[in-house]
Amino acid sequence: MMTIEDIRTIALKLPKATEDIKWGNDLCFCIGEKMFSVTSLQPPVTVSFKVKDEEFDELCSRNGIVPAPYVAKHKWVLVEDMSKVSKKELGHYISQSYELVKAKLPKKKLKELGLENKI
């Protein structure tokens, strides 16, 4: 079963990723101050992230994965049951979310982060 530490390890391996606690009990992972993944610090462990438009409905049809509250319209999903995703799969989706969010950052922000040539 995936833990918060597993999620942290995946997210913080990504270039210039940062973490911050928001709303009192959510650990948020960001690139350029924009969130790409969120996990709750309260049990049970859950994680949310942005997915490609074409993957959203497919993922939400799986048991244990639902549209993420408040951000589903932006194609975010919430994994409520961590046993429904493998560590490899979770690594893929968190990395992909990072890339989707990074691609929307302004060029100026990418330059500040030293990522302007790494899109």
PDB file of N, CA and C in Angstrom:
ATOM      1  N   MET A   1       0.850  -1.193   0.000  1.00  0.00           N
ATOM      2  CA  MET A   1       0.000   0.000   0.000  1.00  0.00           C
ATOM      3  C   MET A   1       0.887   1.244   0.000  1.00  0.00           C
ATOM      4  N   MET A   2       0.546   2.179  -0.834  1.00  0.00           N
ATOM      5  CA  MET A   2       1.322   3.412  -0.953  1.00  0.00           C
ATOM      6  C   MET A   2       1.142   4.283   0.297  1.00  0.00           C
ATOM      7  N   THR A   3       2.230   4.944   0.671  1.00  0.00           N
ATOM      8  CA  THR A   3       2.204   5.834   1.825  1.00  0.00           C
ATOM      9  C   THR A   3       2.442   7.279   1.378  1.00  0.00           C
ATOM     10  N   ILE A   4       2.259   8.205   2.307  1.00  0.00           N
ATOM     11  CA  ILE A   4       2.562   9.613   2.006  1.00  0.00           C
ATOM     12  C   ILE A   4       4.027   9.757   1.621  1.00  0.00           C
ATOM     13  N   GLU A   5       4.906   9.014   2.284  1.00  0.00           N
ATOM     14  CA  GLU A   5       6.338   9.091   1.951  1.00  0.00           C
ATOM     15  C   GLU A   5       6.603   8.626   0.522  1.00  0.00           C
ATOM     16  N   ASP A   6       5.892   7.587   0.069  1.00  0.00           N
ATOM     17  CA  ASP A   6       6.037   7.122  -1.326  1.00  0.00           C
ATOM     18  C   ASP A   6       5.633   8.239  -2.291  1.00  0.00           C
ATOM     19  N   ILE A   7       4.518   8.896  -1.992  1.00  0.00           N
ATOM     20  CA  ILE A   7       4.027   9.985  -2.841  1.00  0.00           C
ATOM     21  C   ILE A   7       5.029  11.141  -2.843  1.00  0.00           C
ATOM     22  N   ARG A   8       5.549  11.492  -1.657  1.00  0.00           N
ATOM     23  CA  ARG A   8       6.549  12.566  -1.552  1.00  0.00           C
ATOM     24  C   ARG A   8       7.786  12.240  -2.389  1.00  0.00           C
ATOM     25  N   THR A   9       8.245  10.996  -2.303  1.00  0.00           N
ATOM     26  CA  THR A   9       9.443  10.583  -3.037  1.00  0.00           C
ATOM     27  C   THR A   9       9.236  10.748  -4.540  1.00  0.00           C
ATOM     28  N   ILE A  10       8.077  10.308  -5.029  1.00  0.00           N
ATOM     29  CA  ILE A  10       7.764  10.439  -6.462  1.00  0.00           C
ATOM     30  C   ILE A  10       7.727  11.913  -6.866  1.00  0.00           C
ATOM     31  N   ALA A  11       6.967  12.711  -6.130  1.00  0.00           N
ATOM     32  CA  ALA A  11       6.743  14.117  -6.507  1.00  0.00           C
ATOM     33  C   ALA A  11       8.004  14.968  -6.398  1.00  0.00           C
ATOM     34  N   LEU A  12       8.781  14.758  -5.338  1.00  0.00           N
ATOM     35  CA  LEU A  12       9.937  15.636  -5.113  1.00  0.00           C
ATOM     36  C   LEU A  12      11.155  15.260  -5.951  1.00  0.00           C
ATOM     37  N   LYS A  13      11.084  14.147  -6.682  1.00  0.00           N
ATOM     38  CA  LYS A  13      12.155  13.800  -7.632  1.00  0.00           C
ATOM     39  C   LYS A  13      12.065  14.657  -8.889  1.00  0.00           C
ATOM     40  N   LEU A  14      10.916  15.261  -9.123  1.00  0.00           N
ATOM     41  CA  LEU A  14      10.702  16.054 -10.335  1.00  0.00           C
ATOM     42  C   LEU A  14      11.413  17.401 -10.208  1.00  0.00           C
ATOM     43  N   PRO A  15      12.013  17.879 -11.311  1.00  0.00           N
ATOM     44  CA  PRO A  15      12.804  19.119 -11.259  1.00  0.00           C
ATOM     45  C   PRO A  15      12.021  20.318 -10.726  1.00  0.00           C
ATOM     46  N   LYS A  16      12.598  20.969  -9.708  1.00  0.00           N
ATOM     47  CA  LYS A  16      12.061  22.203  -9.118  1.00  0.00           C
ATOM     48  C   LYS A  16      10.700  22.012  -8.438  1.00  0.00           C
ATOM     49  N   ALA A  17      10.327  20.780  -8.146  1.00  0.00           N
ATOM     50  CA  ALA A  17       9.074  20.535  -7.418  1.00  0.00           C
ATOM     51  C   ALA A  17       9.241  20.985  -5.969  1.00  0.00           C
ATOM     52  N   THR A  18       8.189  21.562  -5.423  1.00  0.00           N
ATOM     53  CA  THR A  18       8.197  22.003  -4.029  1.00  0.00           C
ATOM     54  C   THR A  18       6.987  21.398  -3.329  1.00  0.00           C
ATOM     55  N   GLU A  19       7.022  21.428  -1.987  1.00  0.00           N
ATOM     56  CA  GLU A  19       5.868  20.956  -1.227  1.00  0.00           C
ATOM     57  C   GLU A  19       5.463  22.027  -0.227  1.00  0.00           C
ATOM     58  N   ASP A  20       4.183  22.025   0.097  1.00  0.00           N
ATOM     59  CA  ASP A  20       3.632  23.045   0.980  1.00  0.00           C
ATOM     60  C   ASP A  20       2.355  22.476   1.595  1.00  0.00           C
ATOM     61  N   ILE A  21       2.065  22.846   2.830  1.00  0.00           N
ATOM     62  CA  ILE A  21       0.814  22.418   3.451  1.00  0.00           C
ATOM     63  C   ILE A  21      -0.215  23.521   3.265  1.00  0.00           C
ATOM     64  N   LYS A  22      -1.362  23.161   2.692  1.00  0.00           N
ATOM     65  CA  LYS A  22      -2.451  24.117   2.458  1.00  0.00           C
ATOM     66  C   LYS A  22      -3.708  23.588   3.128  1.00  0.00           C
ATOM     67  N   TRP A  23      -4.595  24.495   3.438  1.00  0.00           N
ATOM     68  CA  TRP A  23      -5.897  24.158   4.015  1.00  0.00           C
ATOM     69  C   TRP A  23      -5.766  23.326   5.294  1.00  0.00           C
ATOM     70  N   GLY A  24      -4.636  23.454   5.977  1.00  0.00           N
ATOM     71  CA  GLY A  24      -4.476  22.809   7.271  1.00  0.00           C
ATOM     72  C   GLY A  24      -3.995  21.378   7.257  1.00  0.00           C
ATOM     73  N   ASN A  25      -4.467  20.569   6.314  1.00  0.00           N
ATOM     74  CA  ASN A  25      -4.070  19.165   6.356  1.00  0.00           C
ATOM     75  C   ASN A  25      -3.830  18.538   4.994  1.00  0.00           C
ATOM     76  N   ASP A  26      -3.567  19.355   3.972  1.00  0.00           N
ATOM     77  CA  ASP A  26      -3.266  18.825   2.649  1.00  0.00           C
ATOM     78  C   ASP A  26      -1.828  19.150   2.278  1.00  0.00           C
ATOM     79  N   LEU A  27      -1.097  18.119   1.893  1.00  0.00           N
ATOM     80  CA  LEU A  27       0.278  18.291   1.427  1.00  0.00           C
ATOM     81  C   LEU A  27       0.224  18.463  -0.081  1.00  0.00           C
ATOM     82  N   CYS A  28       0.603  19.645  -0.547  1.00  0.00           N
ATOM     83  CA  CYS A  28       0.500  20.001  -1.959  1.00  0.00           C
ATOM     84  C   CYS A  28       1.886  20.027  -2.593  1.00  0.00           C
ATOM     85  N   PHE A  29       1.978  19.449  -3.772  1.00  0.00           N
ATOM     86  CA  PHE A  29       3.222  19.455  -4.539  1.00  0.00           C
ATOM     87  C   PHE A  29       3.023  20.396  -5.717  1.00  0.00           C
ATOM     88  N   CYS A  30       3.989  21.300  -5.898  1.00  0.00           N
ATOM     89  CA  CYS A  30       3.837  22.370  -6.874  1.00  0.00           C
ATOM     90  C   CYS A  30       5.053  22.479  -7.791  1.00  0.00           C
ATOM     91  N   ILE A  31       4.789  23.058  -8.950  1.00  0.00           N
ATOM     92  CA  ILE A  31       5.848  23.503  -9.859  1.00  0.00           C
ATOM     93  C   ILE A  31       5.506  24.948 -10.196  1.00  0.00           C
ATOM     94  N   GLY A  32       6.428  25.860  -9.923  1.00  0.00           N
ATOM     95  CA  GLY A  32       6.171  27.278 -10.182  1.00  0.00           C
ATOM     96  C   GLY A  32       4.937  27.781  -9.443  1.00  0.00           C
ATOM     97  N   GLU A  33       4.738  27.318  -8.221  1.00  0.00           N
ATOM     98  CA  GLU A  33       3.627  27.714  -7.364  1.00  0.00           C
ATOM     99  C   GLU A  33       2.268  27.218  -7.843  1.00  0.00           C
ATOM    100  N   LYS A  34       2.242  26.341  -8.825  1.00  0.00           N
ATOM    101  CA  LYS A  34       0.995  25.730  -9.306  1.00  0.00           C
ATOM    102  C   LYS A  34       0.979  24.266  -8.891  1.00  0.00           C
ATOM    103  N   MET A  35      -0.121  23.841  -8.296  1.00  0.00           N
ATOM    104  CA  MET A  35      -0.217  22.470  -7.799  1.00  0.00           C
ATOM    105  C   MET A  35      -0.283  21.448  -8.928  1.00  0.00           C
ATOM    106  N   PHE A  36       0.426  20.327  -8.727  1.00  0.00           N
ATOM    107  CA  PHE A  36       0.297  19.212  -9.657  1.00  0.00           C
ATOM    108  C   PHE A  36      -0.133  17.932  -8.948  1.00  0.00           C
ATOM    109  N   SER A  37      -0.091  17.907  -7.631  1.00  0.00           N
ATOM    110  CA  SER A  37      -0.566  16.749  -6.872  1.00  0.00           C
ATOM    111  C   SER A  37      -0.846  17.171  -5.434  1.00  0.00           C
ATOM    112  N   VAL A  38      -1.839  16.524  -4.830  1.00  0.00           N
ATOM    113  CA  VAL A  38      -2.217  16.823  -3.449  1.00  0.00           C
ATOM    114  C   VAL A  38      -2.503  15.506  -2.739  1.00  0.00           C
ATOM    115  N   THR A  39      -2.000  15.379  -1.516  1.00  0.00           N
ATOM    116  CA  THR A  39      -2.328  14.229  -0.681  1.00  0.00           C
ATOM    117  C   THR A  39      -2.758  14.722   0.690  1.00  0.00           C
ATOM    118  N   SER A  40      -3.670  13.990   1.301  1.00  0.00           N
ATOM    119  CA  SER A  40      -4.162  14.369   2.624  1.00  0.00           C
ATOM    120  C   SER A  40      -3.192  13.879   3.689  1.00  0.00           C
ATOM    121  N   LEU A  41      -2.958  14.701   4.691  1.00  0.00           N
ATOM    122  CA  LEU A  41      -2.108  14.291   5.810  1.00  0.00           C
ATOM    123  C   LEU A  41      -2.901  13.476   6.832  1.00  0.00           C
ATOM    124  N   GLN A  42      -4.221  13.436   6.674  1.00  0.00           N
ATOM    125  CA  GLN A  42      -5.085  12.653   7.560  1.00  0.00           C
ATOM    126  C   GLN A  42      -5.365  11.299   6.909  1.00  0.00           C
ATOM    127  N   PRO A  43      -5.339  10.218   7.703  1.00  0.00           N
ATOM    128  CA  PRO A  43      -5.683   8.913   7.137  1.00  0.00           C
ATOM    129  C   PRO A  43      -7.148   8.897   6.688  1.00  0.00           C
ATOM    130  N   PRO A  44      -7.506   8.091   5.713  1.00  0.00           N
ATOM    131  CA  PRO A  44      -6.628   7.223   4.927  1.00  0.00           C
ATOM    132  C   PRO A  44      -5.857   8.028   3.874  1.00  0.00           C
ATOM    133  N   VAL A  45      -4.760   7.466   3.396  1.00  0.00           N
ATOM    134  CA  VAL A  45      -3.952   8.125   2.364  1.00  0.00           C
ATOM    135  C   VAL A  45      -4.756   8.175   1.063  1.00  0.00           C
ATOM    136  N   THR A  46      -4.853   9.382   0.506  1.00  0.00           N
ATOM    137  CA  THR A  46      -5.468   9.592  -0.815  1.00  0.00           C
ATOM    138  C   THR A  46      -4.540  10.515  -1.583  1.00  0.00           C
ATOM    139  N   VAL A  47      -4.706  10.559  -2.893  1.00  0.00           N
ATOM    140  CA  VAL A  47      -3.888  11.471  -3.695  1.00  0.00           C
ATOM    141  C   VAL A  47      -4.708  11.938  -4.891  1.00  0.00           C
ATOM    142  N   SER A  48      -4.513  13.192  -5.269  1.00  0.00           N
ATOM    143  CA  SER A  48      -5.175  13.706  -6.463  1.00  0.00           C
ATOM    144  C   SER A  48      -4.138  14.328  -7.378  1.00  0.00           C
ATOM    145  N   PHE A  49      -4.471  14.337  -8.665  1.00  0.00           N
ATOM    146  CA  PHE A  49      -3.560  14.867  -9.682  1.00  0.00           C
ATOM    147  C   PHE A  49      -4.349  15.132 -10.956  1.00  0.00           C
ATOM    148  N   LYS A  50      -3.748  15.928 -11.830  1.00  0.00           N
ATOM    149  CA  LYS A  50      -4.342  16.274 -13.130  1.00  0.00           C
ATOM    150  C   LYS A  50      -4.016  15.160 -14.122  1.00  0.00           C
ATOM    151  N   VAL A  51      -4.986  14.863 -14.992  1.00  0.00           N
ATOM    152  CA  VAL A  51      -4.758  13.859 -16.041  1.00  0.00           C
ATOM    153  C   VAL A  51      -5.113  14.447 -17.402  1.00  0.00           C
ATOM    154  N   LYS A  52      -4.731  13.755 -18.444  1.00  0.00           N
ATOM    155  CA  LYS A  52      -5.093  14.187 -19.794  1.00  0.00           C
ATOM    156  C   LYS A  52      -6.600  14.078 -19.961  1.00  0.00           C
ATOM    157  N   ASP A  53      -7.170  14.974 -20.767  1.00  0.00           N
ATOM    158  CA  ASP A  53      -8.623  14.993 -20.978  1.00  0.00           C
ATOM    159  C   ASP A  53      -9.153  13.610 -21.341  1.00  0.00           C
ATOM    160  N   GLU A  54      -8.439  12.915 -22.244  1.00  0.00           N
ATOM    161  CA  GLU A  54      -8.938  11.627 -22.731  1.00  0.00           C
ATOM    162  C   GLU A  54      -8.823  10.508 -21.692  1.00  0.00           C
ATOM    163  N   GLU A  55      -8.070  10.731 -20.620  1.00  0.00           N
ATOM    164  CA  GLU A  55      -7.923   9.715 -19.574  1.00  0.00           C
ATOM    165  C   GLU A  55      -8.912   9.902 -18.418  1.00  0.00           C
ATOM    166  N   PHE A  56      -9.496  11.084 -18.327  1.00  0.00           N
ATOM    167  CA  PHE A  56     -10.311  11.437 -17.166  1.00  0.00           C
ATOM    168  C   PHE A  56     -11.475  10.467 -16.944  1.00  0.00           C
ATOM    169  N   ASP A  57     -12.320  10.291 -17.957  1.00  0.00           N
ATOM    170  CA  ASP A  57     -13.497   9.426 -17.799  1.00  0.00           C
ATOM    171  C   ASP A  57     -13.097   7.981 -17.539  1.00  0.00           C
ATOM    172  N   GLU A  58     -12.059   7.538 -18.240  1.00  0.00           N
ATOM    173  CA  GLU A  58     -11.587   6.159 -18.072  1.00  0.00           C
ATOM    174  C   GLU A  58     -11.124   5.915 -16.628  1.00  0.00           C
ATOM    175  N   LEU A  59     -10.326   6.826 -16.097  1.00  0.00           N
ATOM    176  CA  LEU A  59      -9.847   6.661 -14.727  1.00  0.00           C
ATOM    177  C   LEU A  59     -10.991   6.751 -13.726  1.00  0.00           C
ATOM    178  N   CYS A  60     -11.915   7.671 -13.943  1.00  0.00           N
ATOM    179  CA  CYS A  60     -13.030   7.844 -13.001  1.00  0.00           C
ATOM    180  C   CYS A  60     -13.996   6.669 -13.025  1.00  0.00           C
ATOM    181  N   SER A  61     -13.925   5.837 -14.053  1.00  0.00           N
ATOM    182  CA  SER A  61     -14.795   4.660 -14.110  1.00  0.00           C
ATOM    183  C   SER A  61     -14.209   3.498 -13.303  1.00  0.00           C
ATOM    184  N   ARG A  62     -12.964   3.636 -12.861  1.00  0.00           N
ATOM    185  CA  ARG A  62     -12.328   2.584 -12.062  1.00  0.00           C
ATOM    186  C   ARG A  62     -12.748   2.695 -10.600  1.00  0.00           C
ATOM    187  N   ASN A  63     -12.905   1.553  -9.962  1.00  0.00           N
ATOM    188  CA  ASN A  63     -13.217   1.542  -8.530  1.00  0.00           C
ATOM    189  C   ASN A  63     -12.094   2.229  -7.758  1.00  0.00           C
ATOM    190  N   GLY A  64     -12.468   3.065  -6.796  1.00  0.00           N
ATOM    191  CA  GLY A  64     -11.477   3.715  -5.942  1.00  0.00           C
ATOM    192  C   GLY A  64     -10.923   5.011  -6.491  1.00  0.00           C
ATOM    193  N   ILE A  65     -11.356   5.415  -7.709  1.00  0.00           N
ATOM    194  CA  ILE A  65     -10.898   6.671  -8.318  1.00  0.00           C
ATOM    195  C   ILE A  65     -12.137   7.480  -8.702  1.00  0.00           C
ATOM    196  N   VAL A  66     -12.179   8.733  -8.273  1.00  0.00           N
ATOM    197  CA  VAL A  66     -13.344   9.597  -8.529  1.00  0.00           C
ATOM    198  C   VAL A  66     -12.875  10.963  -9.033  1.00  0.00           C
ATOM    199  N   PRO A  67     -13.784  11.739  -9.637  1.00  0.00           N
ATOM    200  CA  PRO A  67     -13.427  13.128  -9.981  1.00  0.00           C
ATOM    201  C   PRO A  67     -13.047  13.861  -8.698  1.00  0.00           C
ATOM    202  N   ALA A  68     -11.964  14.614  -8.744  1.00  0.00           N
ATOM    203  CA  ALA A  68     -11.492  15.323  -7.543  1.00  0.00           C
ATOM    204  C   ALA A  68     -12.435  16.474  -7.202  1.00  0.00           C
ATOM    205  N   PRO A  69     -12.844  16.565  -5.920  1.00  0.00           N
ATOM    206  CA  PRO A  69     -13.715  17.677  -5.516  1.00  0.00           C
ATOM    207  C   PRO A  69     -13.090  19.031  -5.861  1.00  0.00           C
ATOM    208  N   TYR A  70     -13.898  19.951  -6.329  1.00  0.00           N
ATOM    209  CA  TYR A  70     -13.528  21.340  -6.649  1.00  0.00           C
ATOM    210  C   TYR A  70     -12.717  21.496  -7.937  1.00  0.00           C
ATOM    211  N   VAL A  71     -11.940  20.489  -8.339  1.00  0.00           N
ATOM    212  CA  VAL A  71     -11.062  20.669  -9.503  1.00  0.00           C
ATOM    213  C   VAL A  71     -11.307  19.653 -10.619  1.00  0.00           C
ATOM    214  N   ALA A  72     -12.377  18.880 -10.520  1.00  0.00           N
ATOM    215  CA  ALA A  72     -12.685  17.885 -11.557  1.00  0.00           C
ATOM    216  C   ALA A  72     -12.863  18.550 -12.922  1.00  0.00           C
ATOM    217  N   LYS A  73     -13.399  19.777 -12.927  1.00  0.00           N
ATOM    218  CA  LYS A  73     -13.605  20.457 -14.217  1.00  0.00           C
ATOM    219  C   LYS A  73     -12.280  20.726 -14.929  1.00  0.00           C
ATOM    220  N   HIS A  74     -11.186  20.683 -14.175  1.00  0.00           N
ATOM    221  CA  HIS A  74      -9.853  20.858 -14.762  1.00  0.00           C
ATOM    222  C   HIS A  74      -9.171  19.520 -14.992  1.00  0.00           C
ATOM    223  N   LYS A  75      -9.972  18.451 -14.960  1.00  0.00           N
ATOM    224  CA  LYS A  75      -9.508  17.073 -15.218  1.00  0.00           C
ATOM    225  C   LYS A  75      -8.555  16.558 -14.138  1.00  0.00           C
ATOM    226  N   TRP A  76      -8.920  16.804 -12.886  1.00  0.00           N
ATOM    227  CA  TRP A  76      -8.206  16.231 -11.744  1.00  0.00           C
ATOM    228  C   TRP A  76      -8.999  15.037 -11.227  1.00  0.00           C
ATOM    229  N   VAL A  77      -8.290  13.985 -10.839  1.00  0.00           N
ATOM    230  CA  VAL A  77      -8.926  12.808 -10.237  1.00  0.00           C
ATOM    231  C   VAL A  77      -8.412  12.643  -8.806  1.00  0.00           C
ATOM    232  N   LEU A  78      -9.192  11.933  -8.007  1.00  0.00           N
ATOM    233  CA  LEU A  78      -8.826  11.623  -6.631  1.00  0.00           C
ATOM    234  C   LEU A  78      -8.786  10.109  -6.483  1.00  0.00           C
ATOM    235  N   VAL A  79      -7.626   9.592  -6.099  1.00  0.00           N
ATOM    236  CA  VAL A  79      -7.495   8.168  -5.813  1.00  0.00           C
ATOM    237  C   VAL A  79      -7.866   7.991  -4.336  1.00  0.00           C
ATOM    238  N   GLU A  80      -9.054   7.461  -4.097  1.00  0.00           N
ATOM    239  CA  GLU A  80      -9.541   7.265  -2.731  1.00  0.00           C
ATOM    240  C   GLU A  80      -9.043   5.950  -2.135  1.00  0.00           C
ATOM    241  N   ASP A  81      -8.802   4.966  -3.000  1.00  0.00           N
ATOM    242  CA  ASP A  81      -8.349   3.644  -2.557  1.00  0.00           C
ATOM    243  C   ASP A  81      -6.984   3.373  -3.178  1.00  0.00           C
ATOM    244  N   MET A  82      -5.941   3.554  -2.375  1.00  0.00           N
ATOM    245  CA  MET A  82      -4.571   3.443  -2.883  1.00  0.00           C
ATOM    246  C   MET A  82      -4.223   2.029  -3.367  1.00  0.00           C
ATOM    247  N   SER A  83      -5.017   1.028  -2.982  1.00  0.00           N
ATOM    248  CA  SER A  83      -4.745  -0.334  -3.441  1.00  0.00           C
ATOM    249  C   SER A  83      -5.125  -0.508  -4.914  1.00  0.00           C
ATOM    250  N   LYS A  84      -5.804   0.483  -5.487  1.00  0.00           N
ATOM    251  CA  LYS A  84      -6.275   0.397  -6.876  1.00  0.00           C
ATOM    252  C   LYS A  84      -5.245   0.890  -7.894  1.00  0.00           C
ATOM    253  N   VAL A  85      -4.107   1.423  -7.408  1.00  0.00           N
ATOM    254  CA  VAL A  85      -3.042   1.861  -8.321  1.00  0.00           C
ATOM    255  C   VAL A  85      -1.706   1.298  -7.845  1.00  0.00           C
ATOM    256  N   SER A  86      -0.877   0.913  -8.809  1.00  0.00           N
ATOM    257  CA  SER A  86       0.463   0.435  -8.465  1.00  0.00           C
ATOM    258  C   SER A  86       1.395   1.629  -8.276  1.00  0.00           C
ATOM    259  N   LYS A  87       2.518   1.378  -7.654  1.00  0.00           N
ATOM    260  CA  LYS A  87       3.501   2.446  -7.462  1.00  0.00           C
ATOM    261  C   LYS A  87       3.972   2.972  -8.822  1.00  0.00           C
ATOM    262  N   LYS A  88       4.170   2.066  -9.765  1.00  0.00           N
ATOM    263  CA  LYS A  88       4.616   2.470 -11.113  1.00  0.00           C
ATOM    264  C   LYS A  88       3.556   3.354 -11.777  1.00  0.00           C
ATOM    265  N   GLU A  89       2.290   2.938 -11.677  1.00  0.00           N
ATOM    266  CA  GLU A  89       1.202   3.700 -12.278  1.00  0.00           C
ATOM    267  C   GLU A  89       1.080   5.082 -11.624  1.00  0.00           C
ATOM    268  N   LEU A  90       1.183   5.108 -10.304  1.00  0.00           N
ATOM    269  CA  LEU A  90       1.102   6.375  -9.592  1.00  0.00           C
ATOM    270  C   LEU A  90       2.255   7.294  -9.999  1.00  0.00           C
ATOM    271  N   GLY A  91       3.448   6.735 -10.125  1.00  0.00           N
ATOM    272  CA  GLY A  91       4.601   7.517 -10.581  1.00  0.00           C
ATOM    273  C   GLY A  91       4.346   8.127 -11.945  1.00  0.00           C
ATOM    274  N   HIS A  92       3.759   7.339 -12.837  1.00  0.00           N
ATOM    275  CA  HIS A  92       3.435   7.834 -14.184  1.00  0.00           C
ATOM    276  C   HIS A  92       2.458   9.008 -14.108  1.00  0.00           C
ATOM    277  N   TYR A  93       1.371   8.840 -13.339  1.00  0.00           N
ATOM    278  CA  TYR A  93       0.349   9.886 -13.301  1.00  0.00           C
ATOM    279  C   TYR A  93       0.818  11.150 -12.594  1.00  0.00           C
ATOM    280  N   ILE A  94       1.606  11.024 -11.543  1.00  0.00           N
ATOM    281  CA  ILE A  94       2.116  12.222 -10.866  1.00  0.00           C
ATOM    282  C   ILE A  94       3.100  12.946 -11.779  1.00  0.00           C
ATOM    283  N   SER A  95       3.971  12.207 -12.468  1.00  0.00           N
ATOM    284  CA  SER A  95       4.918  12.832 -13.405  1.00  0.00           C
ATOM    285  C   SER A  95       4.180  13.499 -14.559  1.00  0.00           C
ATOM    286  N   GLN A  96       3.155  12.832 -15.062  1.00  0.00           N
ATOM    287  CA  GLN A  96       2.368  13.394 -16.158  1.00  0.00           C
ATOM    288  C   GLN A  96       1.645  14.655 -15.701  1.00  0.00           C
ATOM    289  N   SER A  97       1.093  14.648 -14.495  1.00  0.00           N
ATOM    290  CA  SER A  97       0.419  15.828 -13.964  1.00  0.00           C
ATOM    291  C   SER A  97       1.397  16.994 -13.875  1.00  0.00           C
ATOM    292  N   TYR A  98       2.595  16.713 -13.381  1.00  0.00           N
ATOM    293  CA  TYR A  98       3.661  17.719 -13.300  1.00  0.00           C
ATOM    294  C   TYR A  98       3.901  18.331 -14.688  1.00  0.00           C
ATOM    295  N   GLU A  99       4.030  17.481 -15.702  1.00  0.00           N
ATOM    296  CA  GLU A  99       4.297  17.972 -17.061  1.00  0.00           C
ATOM    297  C   GLU A  99       3.124  18.786 -17.603  1.00  0.00           C
ATOM    298  N   LEU A 100       1.889  18.357 -17.336  1.00  0.00           N
ATOM    299  CA  LEU A 100       0.709  19.090 -17.794  1.00  0.00           C
ATOM    300  C   LEU A 100       0.646  20.479 -17.161  1.00  0.00           C
ATOM    301  N   VAL A 101       0.928  20.556 -15.871  1.00  0.00           N
ATOM    302  CA  VAL A 101       0.893  21.839 -15.165  1.00  0.00           C
ATOM    303  C   VAL A 101       2.070  22.715 -15.610  1.00  0.00           C
ATOM    304  N   LYS A 102       3.247  22.121 -15.722  1.00  0.00           N
ATOM    305  CA  LYS A 102       4.434  22.875 -16.148  1.00  0.00           C
ATOM    306  C   LYS A 102       4.230  23.477 -17.535  1.00  0.00           C
ATOM    307  N   ALA A 103       3.577  22.750 -18.418  1.00  0.00           N
ATOM    308  CA  ALA A 103       3.355  23.222 -19.792  1.00  0.00           C
ATOM    309  C   ALA A 103       2.490  24.480 -19.836  1.00  0.00           C
ATOM    310  N   LYS A 104       1.706  24.720 -18.793  1.00  0.00           N
ATOM    311  CA  LYS A 104       0.833  25.900 -18.743  1.00  0.00           C
ATOM    312  C   LYS A 104       1.490  27.104 -18.057  1.00  0.00           C
ATOM    313  N   LEU A 105       2.679  26.903 -17.501  1.00  0.00           N
ATOM    314  CA  LEU A 105       3.352  28.016 -16.829  1.00  0.00           C
ATOM    315  C   LEU A 105       3.822  29.050 -17.850  1.00  0.00           C
ATOM    316  N   PRO A 106       3.807  30.329 -17.468  1.00  0.00           N
ATOM    317  CA  PRO A 106       4.325  31.364 -18.367  1.00  0.00           C
ATOM    318  C   PRO A 106       5.823  31.160 -18.621  1.00  0.00           C
ATOM    319  N   LYS A 107       6.257  31.564 -19.800  1.00  0.00           N
ATOM    320  CA  LYS A 107       7.681  31.426 -20.149  1.00  0.00           C
ATOM    321  C   LYS A 107       8.581  32.097 -19.116  1.00  0.00           C
ATOM    322  N   LYS A 108       8.148  33.234 -18.599  1.00  0.00           N
ATOM    323  CA  LYS A 108       8.937  33.955 -17.595  1.00  0.00           C
ATOM    324  C   LYS A 108       9.153  33.093 -16.348  1.00  0.00           C
ATOM    325  N   LYS A 109       8.099  32.399 -15.901  1.00  0.00           N
ATOM    326  CA  LYS A 109       8.197  31.543 -14.725  1.00  0.00           C
ATOM    327  C   LYS A 109       9.120  30.358 -15.014  1.00  0.00           C
ATOM    328  N   LEU A 110       9.005  29.784 -16.202  1.00  0.00           N
ATOM    329  CA  LEU A 110       9.889  28.665 -16.576  1.00  0.00           C
ATOM    330  C   LEU A 110      11.347  29.108 -16.572  1.00  0.00           C
ATOM    331  N   LYS A 111      11.585  30.332 -17.059  1.00  0.00           N
ATOM    332  CA  LYS A 111      12.953  30.857 -17.082  1.00  0.00           C
ATOM    333  C   LYS A 111      13.477  31.053 -15.663  1.00  0.00           C
ATOM    334  N   GLU A 112      12.623  31.601 -14.775  1.00  0.00           N
ATOM    335  CA  GLU A 112      13.016  31.783 -13.368  1.00  0.00           C
ATOM    336  C   GLU A 112      13.410  30.452 -12.733  1.00  0.00           C
ATOM    337  N   LEU A 113      12.698  29.404 -13.092  1.00  0.00           N
ATOM    338  CA  LEU A 113      12.951  28.075 -12.532  1.00  0.00           C
ATOM    339  C   LEU A 113      14.117  27.363 -13.226  1.00  0.00           C
ATOM    340  N   GLY A 114      14.609  27.941 -14.324  1.00  0.00           N
ATOM    341  CA  GLY A 114      15.682  27.290 -15.067  1.00  0.00           C
ATOM    342  C   GLY A 114      15.170  26.124 -15.890  1.00  0.00           C
ATOM    343  N   LEU A 115      13.879  26.162 -16.248  1.00  0.00           N
ATOM    344  CA  LEU A 115      13.271  25.056 -16.996  1.00  0.00           C
ATOM    345  C   LEU A 115      12.822  25.479 -18.400  1.00  0.00           C
ATOM    346  N   GLU A 116      13.261  26.641 -18.860  1.00  0.00           N
ATOM    347  CA  GLU A 116      12.731  27.165 -20.117  1.00  0.00           C
ATOM    348  C   GLU A 116      13.025  26.285 -21.312  1.00  0.00           C
ATOM    349  N   ASN A 117      14.087  25.494 -21.278  1.00  0.00           N
ATOM    350  CA  ASN A 117      14.418  24.632 -22.419  1.00  0.00           C
ATOM    351  C   ASN A 117      14.034  23.177 -22.160  1.00  0.00           C
ATOM    352  N   LYS A 118      13.260  22.956 -21.103  1.00  0.00           N
ATOM    353  CA  LYS A 118      12.941  21.576 -20.719  1.00  0.00           C
ATOM    354  C   LYS A 118      11.443  21.306 -20.782  1.00  0.00           C
ATOM    355  N   ILE A 119      10.806  21.794 -21.823  1.00  0.00           N
ATOM    356  CA  ILE A 119       9.355  21.575 -21.953  1.00  0.00           C
ATOM    357  C   ILE A 119       9.119  20.287 -22.723  1.00  0.00           C
TER     358      ILE A 119
END
